[in-house]
């Protein structure tokens, strides 16, 4: 007999790459529960990254350090009887402000990391190519930091 996950909750708002979030779900205990598999799926490409294949479902939560590039995603939790899906949520690159919320109000920008320059109003006057260049540079720095971290 399988454990039964009824639903997996959608992370609220925009989430920064590198942030640690708590993923929660509703669960009905069953005898002899199997571990679950938690994945994050890119909403556009459908590429799937397994977060953990050994989830203790009865805890009804899991802390995840977001490790996917900026984009729109949803979560899948498989309890042995099939995937249960969250709604979509947005991941933004740490250090870059999140995209405006769908309601037209902007989400708050994350605090600048220590040692990182804070964003200023003058950033709004940069040209599109300058911003793209900074995004590329920042992405390369993040990749290098991740490589060093896992080396």
N, C-alpha and C. Protein backbone atom coordinates (compact mmCIF):
# COMPACT_ATOMS: atom_id res chain seq x y z
N UNK A 1 0.85 -1.18 0.00
CA UNK A 1 0.00 0.00 0.00
C UNK A 1 0.89 1.24 0.00
N UNK A 2 0.50 2.25 -0.74
CA UNK A 2 1.29 3.46 -0.89
C UNK A 2 0.89 4.52 0.13
N UNK A 3 1.86 5.40 0.42
CA UNK A 3 1.53 6.62 1.15
C UNK A 3 0.75 7.49 0.20
N UNK A 4 0.00 8.40 0.73
CA UNK A 4 -0.78 9.21 -0.18
C UNK A 4 -0.57 10.70 0.06
N UNK A 5 0.01 11.33 -0.94
CA UNK A 5 0.16 12.78 -0.94
C UNK A 5 -1.04 13.35 -1.69
N UNK A 6 -1.80 14.21 -1.02
CA UNK A 6 -2.96 14.81 -1.67
C UNK A 6 -2.56 15.98 -2.56
N UNK A 7 -1.67 16.84 -2.07
CA UNK A 7 -1.27 18.02 -2.85
C UNK A 7 0.09 18.49 -2.38
N UNK A 8 0.77 19.21 -3.26
CA UNK A 8 2.05 19.84 -2.93
C UNK A 8 1.83 21.34 -3.10
N UNK A 9 2.27 22.10 -2.11
CA UNK A 9 2.03 23.54 -2.11
C UNK A 9 3.02 24.27 -3.02
N UNK A 10 2.54 25.35 -3.62
CA UNK A 10 3.34 26.17 -4.51
C UNK A 10 4.13 27.19 -3.71
N UNK A 11 5.45 27.28 -3.93
CA UNK A 11 6.21 28.34 -3.26
C UNK A 11 5.61 29.71 -3.59
N UNK A 12 5.53 30.59 -2.61
CA UNK A 12 4.91 31.90 -2.81
C UNK A 12 5.85 32.89 -3.46
N UNK A 13 5.32 33.66 -4.37
CA UNK A 13 6.07 34.74 -5.00
C UNK A 13 7.24 34.26 -5.82
N UNK A 14 8.20 35.14 -6.01
CA UNK A 14 9.41 34.82 -6.74
C UNK A 14 10.46 34.31 -5.76
N UNK A 15 11.27 33.38 -6.21
CA UNK A 15 12.28 32.75 -5.37
C UNK A 15 13.65 32.99 -6.00
N UNK A 16 14.61 33.41 -5.20
CA UNK A 16 15.96 33.65 -5.71
C UNK A 16 16.72 32.35 -5.86
N UNK A 17 17.47 32.22 -6.96
CA UNK A 17 18.38 31.10 -7.12
C UNK A 17 19.38 31.17 -5.98
N UNK A 18 19.58 30.08 -5.26
CA UNK A 18 20.49 30.05 -4.12
C UNK A 18 19.78 30.19 -2.79
N UNK A 19 18.51 30.62 -2.80
CA UNK A 19 17.74 30.75 -1.56
C UNK A 19 17.32 29.36 -1.07
N UNK A 20 17.16 29.22 0.23
CA UNK A 20 16.65 27.98 0.80
C UNK A 20 15.19 28.19 1.14
N UNK A 21 14.33 27.33 0.60
CA UNK A 21 12.89 27.43 0.83
C UNK A 21 12.39 26.12 1.43
N UNK A 22 11.24 26.18 2.08
CA UNK A 22 10.61 24.98 2.61
C UNK A 22 9.43 24.62 1.72
N UNK A 23 9.48 23.41 1.18
CA UNK A 23 8.41 22.88 0.34
C UNK A 23 7.51 22.04 1.24
N UNK A 24 6.20 22.24 1.16
CA UNK A 24 5.27 21.50 2.02
C UNK A 24 4.21 20.79 1.18
N UNK A 25 3.58 19.79 1.78
CA UNK A 25 2.52 19.05 1.11
C UNK A 25 1.57 18.48 2.16
N UNK A 26 0.39 18.08 1.70
CA UNK A 26 -0.57 17.39 2.57
C UNK A 26 -0.42 15.90 2.33
N UNK A 27 -0.61 15.12 3.41
CA UNK A 27 -0.25 13.71 3.36
C UNK A 27 -1.16 12.91 4.28
N UNK A 28 -1.58 11.77 3.83
CA UNK A 28 -2.32 10.81 4.66
C UNK A 28 -1.41 9.60 4.86
N UNK A 29 -1.15 9.28 6.13
CA UNK A 29 -0.26 8.17 6.44
C UNK A 29 -0.88 6.84 6.03
N UNK A 30 -0.07 6.02 5.43
CA UNK A 30 -0.46 4.67 5.03
C UNK A 30 0.54 3.69 5.64
N UNK A 31 0.15 2.44 5.84
CA UNK A 31 1.11 1.46 6.36
C UNK A 31 2.28 1.27 5.38
N UNK A 32 3.45 1.04 5.91
CA UNK A 32 4.66 0.80 5.11
C UNK A 32 4.89 1.87 4.04
N UNK A 33 5.00 3.14 4.44
CA UNK A 33 5.18 4.19 3.42
C UNK A 33 6.52 4.08 2.71
N UNK A 34 6.48 4.34 1.44
CA UNK A 34 7.69 4.39 0.62
C UNK A 34 8.24 5.80 0.64
N UNK A 35 9.56 5.98 0.41
CA UNK A 35 10.07 7.34 0.28
C UNK A 35 9.54 7.96 -1.01
N UNK A 36 9.43 9.28 -1.02
CA UNK A 36 8.96 9.99 -2.20
C UNK A 36 10.10 10.55 -3.01
N UNK A 37 9.79 10.96 -4.23
CA UNK A 37 10.76 11.63 -5.10
C UNK A 37 10.24 13.02 -5.41
N UNK A 38 11.05 14.02 -5.07
CA UNK A 38 10.69 15.42 -5.28
C UNK A 38 11.52 15.97 -6.44
N UNK A 39 10.84 16.58 -7.41
CA UNK A 39 11.51 17.12 -8.59
C UNK A 39 11.03 18.53 -8.87
N UNK A 40 11.85 19.28 -9.60
CA UNK A 40 11.46 20.60 -10.10
C UNK A 40 11.49 20.52 -11.62
N UNK A 41 10.46 21.07 -12.26
CA UNK A 41 10.29 20.94 -13.71
C UNK A 41 10.20 22.33 -14.33
N UNK A 42 11.03 22.56 -15.36
CA UNK A 42 10.98 23.83 -16.10
C UNK A 42 9.67 23.87 -16.87
N UNK A 43 8.88 24.90 -16.66
CA UNK A 43 7.55 25.01 -17.26
C UNK A 43 7.61 25.14 -18.78
N UNK A 44 8.71 25.67 -19.33
CA UNK A 44 8.84 25.88 -20.78
C UNK A 44 9.40 24.65 -21.48
N UNK A 45 10.55 24.16 -20.98
CA UNK A 45 11.24 23.07 -21.66
C UNK A 45 10.83 21.69 -21.15
N UNK A 46 10.19 21.65 -19.98
CA UNK A 46 9.80 20.40 -19.29
C UNK A 46 11.01 19.61 -18.81
N UNK A 47 12.22 20.22 -18.82
CA UNK A 47 13.39 19.56 -18.25
C UNK A 47 13.15 19.36 -16.75
N UNK A 48 13.51 18.19 -16.25
CA UNK A 48 13.25 17.83 -14.86
C UNK A 48 14.56 17.64 -14.10
N UNK A 49 14.63 18.22 -12.90
CA UNK A 49 15.77 18.03 -12.01
C UNK A 49 15.24 17.37 -10.74
N UNK A 50 15.78 16.19 -10.41
CA UNK A 50 15.37 15.52 -9.18
C UNK A 50 16.04 16.23 -8.00
N UNK A 51 15.23 16.74 -7.09
CA UNK A 51 15.74 17.41 -5.89
C UNK A 51 16.20 16.35 -4.89
N UNK A 52 15.36 15.34 -4.66
CA UNK A 52 15.70 14.22 -3.78
C UNK A 52 14.81 13.04 -4.13
N UNK A 53 15.42 11.86 -4.12
CA UNK A 53 14.63 10.64 -4.38
C UNK A 53 14.41 9.85 -3.10
N UNK A 54 14.67 10.49 -1.96
CA UNK A 54 14.51 9.80 -0.68
C UNK A 54 13.78 10.71 0.32
N UNK A 55 12.61 11.20 -0.06
CA UNK A 55 11.83 12.12 0.76
C UNK A 55 11.01 11.33 1.79
N UNK A 56 11.13 11.69 3.04
CA UNK A 56 10.28 11.11 4.07
C UNK A 56 8.96 11.87 4.03
N UNK A 57 7.95 11.23 3.44
CA UNK A 57 6.68 11.91 3.18
C UNK A 57 5.96 12.35 4.45
N UNK A 58 6.09 11.59 5.54
CA UNK A 58 5.36 11.91 6.77
C UNK A 58 5.81 13.22 7.41
N UNK A 59 6.99 13.74 7.03
CA UNK A 59 7.44 15.03 7.58
C UNK A 59 6.63 16.19 7.01
N UNK A 60 6.04 15.98 5.84
CA UNK A 60 5.21 16.97 5.14
C UNK A 60 5.96 18.25 4.80
N UNK A 61 7.29 18.19 4.78
CA UNK A 61 8.07 19.36 4.36
C UNK A 61 9.48 18.93 4.00
N UNK A 62 10.13 19.76 3.20
CA UNK A 62 11.51 19.51 2.79
C UNK A 62 12.16 20.86 2.51
N UNK A 63 13.36 21.07 3.05
CA UNK A 63 14.09 22.32 2.78
C UNK A 63 14.97 22.11 1.56
N UNK A 64 14.83 23.04 0.59
CA UNK A 64 15.54 22.94 -0.68
C UNK A 64 16.28 24.23 -0.94
N UNK A 65 17.56 24.13 -1.27
CA UNK A 65 18.32 25.28 -1.73
C UNK A 65 18.16 25.33 -3.24
N UNK A 66 17.49 26.36 -3.71
CA UNK A 66 17.12 26.48 -5.12
C UNK A 66 18.39 26.48 -5.97
N UNK A 67 18.45 25.55 -6.93
CA UNK A 67 19.65 25.37 -7.73
C UNK A 67 19.33 25.26 -9.22
N UNK A 68 18.33 26.01 -9.65
CA UNK A 68 17.97 26.02 -11.06
C UNK A 68 18.09 27.45 -11.59
N UNK A 69 18.33 27.61 -12.89
CA UNK A 69 18.45 28.95 -13.46
C UNK A 69 17.13 29.71 -13.42
N UNK A 70 17.20 30.99 -13.66
CA UNK A 70 16.00 31.82 -13.69
C UNK A 70 15.00 31.25 -14.69
N UNK A 71 13.73 31.30 -14.32
CA UNK A 71 12.68 30.80 -15.19
C UNK A 71 11.42 30.49 -14.40
N UNK A 72 10.47 29.86 -15.06
CA UNK A 72 9.21 29.47 -14.43
C UNK A 72 9.22 27.96 -14.27
N UNK A 73 8.87 27.50 -13.07
CA UNK A 73 8.96 26.09 -12.72
C UNK A 73 7.70 25.64 -11.98
N UNK A 74 7.58 24.32 -11.84
CA UNK A 74 6.61 23.73 -10.91
C UNK A 74 7.27 22.51 -10.28
N UNK A 75 6.73 22.09 -9.14
CA UNK A 75 7.27 20.96 -8.41
C UNK A 75 6.43 19.71 -8.66
N UNK A 76 7.07 18.55 -8.58
CA UNK A 76 6.37 17.27 -8.66
C UNK A 76 6.84 16.42 -7.49
N UNK A 77 5.89 15.80 -6.80
CA UNK A 77 6.20 14.89 -5.70
C UNK A 77 5.54 13.56 -6.01
N UNK A 78 6.36 12.52 -6.14
CA UNK A 78 5.85 11.19 -6.45
C UNK A 78 5.89 10.36 -5.17
N UNK A 79 4.72 9.89 -4.76
CA UNK A 79 4.60 9.11 -3.53
C UNK A 79 4.52 7.61 -3.81
N UNK A 80 4.78 7.20 -5.03
CA UNK A 80 4.69 5.80 -5.41
C UNK A 80 3.42 5.51 -6.20
N UNK A 81 2.47 6.45 -6.15
CA UNK A 81 1.21 6.26 -6.89
C UNK A 81 1.09 7.25 -8.04
N UNK A 82 2.16 7.98 -8.31
CA UNK A 82 2.15 8.97 -9.38
C UNK A 82 2.51 10.35 -8.86
N UNK A 83 2.80 11.26 -9.78
CA UNK A 83 3.20 12.62 -9.42
C UNK A 83 2.01 13.45 -8.98
N UNK A 84 2.25 14.29 -7.97
CA UNK A 84 1.33 15.36 -7.57
C UNK A 84 2.09 16.64 -7.88
N UNK A 85 1.41 17.63 -8.47
CA UNK A 85 2.09 18.84 -8.95
C UNK A 85 1.68 20.07 -8.17
N UNK A 86 2.65 20.99 -8.03
CA UNK A 86 2.35 22.31 -7.48
C UNK A 86 1.92 23.21 -8.64
N UNK A 87 1.56 24.44 -8.31
CA UNK A 87 1.37 25.45 -9.34
C UNK A 87 2.74 25.97 -9.77
N UNK A 88 2.75 26.90 -10.70
CA UNK A 88 4.02 27.45 -11.17
C UNK A 88 4.53 28.54 -10.24
N UNK A 89 5.84 28.71 -10.23
CA UNK A 89 6.49 29.78 -9.48
C UNK A 89 7.70 30.23 -10.28
N UNK A 90 8.19 31.43 -9.96
CA UNK A 90 9.28 32.04 -10.70
C UNK A 90 10.56 31.99 -9.89
N UNK A 91 11.65 31.60 -10.55
CA UNK A 91 12.99 31.67 -9.96
C UNK A 91 13.71 32.81 -10.66
N UNK A 92 14.33 33.69 -9.88
CA UNK A 92 15.12 34.76 -10.48
C UNK A 92 16.56 34.62 -10.02
N UNK A 93 17.47 35.14 -10.84
CA UNK A 93 18.89 35.06 -10.55
C UNK A 93 19.18 35.93 -9.34
N UNK A 94 19.85 35.38 -8.34
CA UNK A 94 20.21 36.14 -7.14
C UNK A 94 21.00 37.38 -7.55
N UNK A 95 20.69 38.50 -6.95
CA UNK A 95 21.35 39.75 -7.28
C UNK A 95 20.61 40.55 -8.33
N UNK A 96 19.68 39.91 -9.02
CA UNK A 96 18.85 40.61 -10.01
C UNK A 96 17.44 40.70 -9.43
N UNK A 97 16.77 41.83 -9.63
CA UNK A 97 15.43 41.95 -9.09
C UNK A 97 14.48 40.98 -9.79
N UNK A 98 13.49 40.46 -9.06
CA UNK A 98 12.53 39.57 -9.71
C UNK A 98 11.67 40.33 -10.70
N UNK A 99 11.08 39.60 -11.64
CA UNK A 99 10.17 40.22 -12.60
C UNK A 99 8.95 40.72 -11.85
N UNK A 100 8.28 41.75 -12.37
CA UNK A 100 7.08 42.26 -11.70
C UNK A 100 6.04 41.16 -11.56
N UNK A 101 5.30 41.22 -10.46
CA UNK A 101 4.24 40.25 -10.21
C UNK A 101 3.13 40.42 -11.24
N UNK A 102 2.36 39.38 -11.45
CA UNK A 102 1.30 39.40 -12.47
C UNK A 102 0.27 40.48 -12.21
N UNK A 103 0.06 40.86 -10.95
CA UNK A 103 -0.94 41.86 -10.63
C UNK A 103 -0.49 43.27 -10.99
N UNK A 104 0.75 43.39 -11.44
CA UNK A 104 1.26 44.71 -11.82
C UNK A 104 2.07 45.35 -10.71
N UNK A 105 2.14 44.71 -9.54
CA UNK A 105 2.97 45.24 -8.47
C UNK A 105 4.28 44.50 -8.47
N UNK A 106 5.35 45.20 -8.22
CA UNK A 106 6.67 44.59 -8.23
C UNK A 106 6.93 43.90 -6.91
N UNK A 107 7.55 42.73 -6.96
CA UNK A 107 7.95 42.04 -5.75
C UNK A 107 9.21 42.72 -5.21
N UNK A 108 9.42 42.60 -3.91
CA UNK A 108 10.59 43.22 -3.30
C UNK A 108 11.85 42.53 -3.78
N UNK A 109 12.90 43.32 -4.02
CA UNK A 109 14.18 42.77 -4.44
C UNK A 109 14.86 42.15 -3.23
N UNK A 110 15.65 41.10 -3.43
CA UNK A 110 16.35 40.48 -2.31
C UNK A 110 17.45 41.41 -1.82
N UNK A 111 17.84 41.27 -0.55
CA UNK A 111 18.94 42.10 -0.07
C UNK A 111 20.22 41.72 -0.80
N UNK A 112 21.10 42.71 -0.99
CA UNK A 112 22.37 42.46 -1.67
C UNK A 112 23.23 41.59 -0.78
N UNK A 113 23.95 40.66 -1.38
CA UNK A 113 24.85 39.79 -0.64
C UNK A 113 26.00 40.64 -0.10
N UNK A 114 26.57 40.23 1.04
CA UNK A 114 27.66 41.01 1.60
C UNK A 114 28.80 41.05 0.61
N UNK A 115 29.37 42.21 0.44
CA UNK A 115 30.45 42.40 -0.51
C UNK A 115 29.98 42.68 -1.92
N UNK A 116 28.67 42.52 -2.16
CA UNK A 116 28.14 42.79 -3.50
C UNK A 116 27.63 44.22 -3.55
N UNK A 117 27.80 44.90 -4.67
CA UNK A 117 27.31 46.26 -4.76
C UNK A 117 25.79 46.28 -4.73
N UNK A 118 25.24 47.25 -4.07
CA UNK A 118 23.79 47.39 -4.00
C UNK A 118 23.28 48.02 -5.29
N UNK A 119 22.06 47.66 -5.68
CA UNK A 119 21.46 48.25 -6.87
C UNK A 119 21.12 49.71 -6.59
N UNK A 120 21.27 50.54 -7.60
CA UNK A 120 20.96 51.95 -7.43
C UNK A 120 19.97 52.37 -8.49
N UNK A 121 19.40 53.54 -8.30
CA UNK A 121 18.43 54.07 -9.27
C UNK A 121 19.08 54.28 -10.62
N UNK A 122 20.40 54.52 -10.65
CA UNK A 122 21.06 54.75 -11.93
C UNK A 122 21.06 53.51 -12.80
N UNK A 123 20.83 52.33 -12.23
CA UNK A 123 20.79 51.11 -13.02
C UNK A 123 19.67 51.17 -14.04
N UNK A 124 18.61 51.91 -13.78
CA UNK A 124 17.49 52.02 -14.70
C UNK A 124 17.90 52.73 -15.99
N UNK A 125 18.96 53.51 -15.97
CA UNK A 125 19.38 54.23 -17.16
C UNK A 125 20.31 53.42 -18.06
N UNK A 126 20.66 52.20 -17.66
CA UNK A 126 21.52 51.37 -18.49
C UNK A 126 20.79 50.94 -19.75
N UNK A 127 21.53 50.76 -20.80
CA UNK A 127 20.91 50.29 -22.05
C UNK A 127 20.65 48.80 -21.95
N UNK A 128 19.80 48.29 -22.82
CA UNK A 128 19.48 46.87 -22.83
C UNK A 128 20.70 46.00 -23.00
N UNK A 129 21.64 46.43 -23.89
CA UNK A 129 22.83 45.61 -24.11
C UNK A 129 23.74 45.60 -22.88
N UNK A 130 23.79 46.72 -22.15
CA UNK A 130 24.59 46.77 -20.93
C UNK A 130 24.00 45.82 -19.89
N UNK A 131 22.69 45.84 -19.77
CA UNK A 131 22.03 44.96 -18.80
C UNK A 131 22.26 43.51 -19.19
N UNK A 132 22.14 43.18 -20.48
CA UNK A 132 22.38 41.81 -20.93
C UNK A 132 23.81 41.38 -20.62
N UNK A 133 24.75 42.29 -20.81
CA UNK A 133 26.14 41.99 -20.50
C UNK A 133 26.35 41.71 -19.03
N UNK A 134 25.71 42.52 -18.18
CA UNK A 134 25.82 42.31 -16.74
C UNK A 134 25.17 40.99 -16.34
N UNK A 135 24.04 40.65 -16.95
CA UNK A 135 23.37 39.38 -16.63
C UNK A 135 24.26 38.21 -17.02
N UNK A 136 24.91 38.31 -18.19
CA UNK A 136 25.81 37.25 -18.63
C UNK A 136 26.99 37.12 -17.67
N UNK A 137 27.59 38.25 -17.31
CA UNK A 137 28.71 38.23 -16.38
C UNK A 137 28.29 37.63 -15.05
N UNK A 138 27.14 38.04 -14.53
CA UNK A 138 26.66 37.51 -13.27
C UNK A 138 26.40 36.01 -13.37
N UNK A 139 25.82 35.57 -14.46
CA UNK A 139 25.55 34.14 -14.65
C UNK A 139 26.85 33.34 -14.64
N UNK A 140 27.89 33.87 -15.30
CA UNK A 140 29.18 33.18 -15.32
C UNK A 140 29.79 33.12 -13.93
N UNK A 141 29.64 34.18 -13.15
CA UNK A 141 30.15 34.19 -11.78
C UNK A 141 29.43 33.15 -10.95
N UNK A 142 28.10 33.06 -11.11
CA UNK A 142 27.31 32.08 -10.35
C UNK A 142 27.75 30.67 -10.73
N UNK A 143 27.94 30.40 -12.01
CA UNK A 143 28.39 29.07 -12.45
C UNK A 143 29.75 28.76 -11.85
N UNK A 144 30.66 29.71 -11.85
CA UNK A 144 31.98 29.50 -11.28
C UNK A 144 31.89 29.21 -9.78
N UNK A 145 31.02 29.94 -9.09
CA UNK A 145 30.85 29.73 -7.64
C UNK A 145 30.29 28.34 -7.36
N UNK A 146 29.33 27.90 -8.17
CA UNK A 146 28.75 26.57 -8.00
C UNK A 146 29.81 25.50 -8.26
N UNK A 147 30.62 25.70 -9.31
CA UNK A 147 31.67 24.74 -9.61
C UNK A 147 32.68 24.64 -8.49
N UNK A 148 33.06 25.76 -7.90
CA UNK A 148 34.00 25.77 -6.79
C UNK A 148 33.36 25.08 -5.59
N UNK A 149 32.09 25.36 -5.36
CA UNK A 149 31.38 24.76 -4.21
C UNK A 149 31.34 23.24 -4.30
N UNK A 150 31.13 22.69 -5.48
CA UNK A 150 30.99 21.25 -5.64
C UNK A 150 32.30 20.56 -6.01
N UNK A 151 33.39 21.33 -6.09
CA UNK A 151 34.68 20.73 -6.46
C UNK A 151 35.27 19.96 -5.29
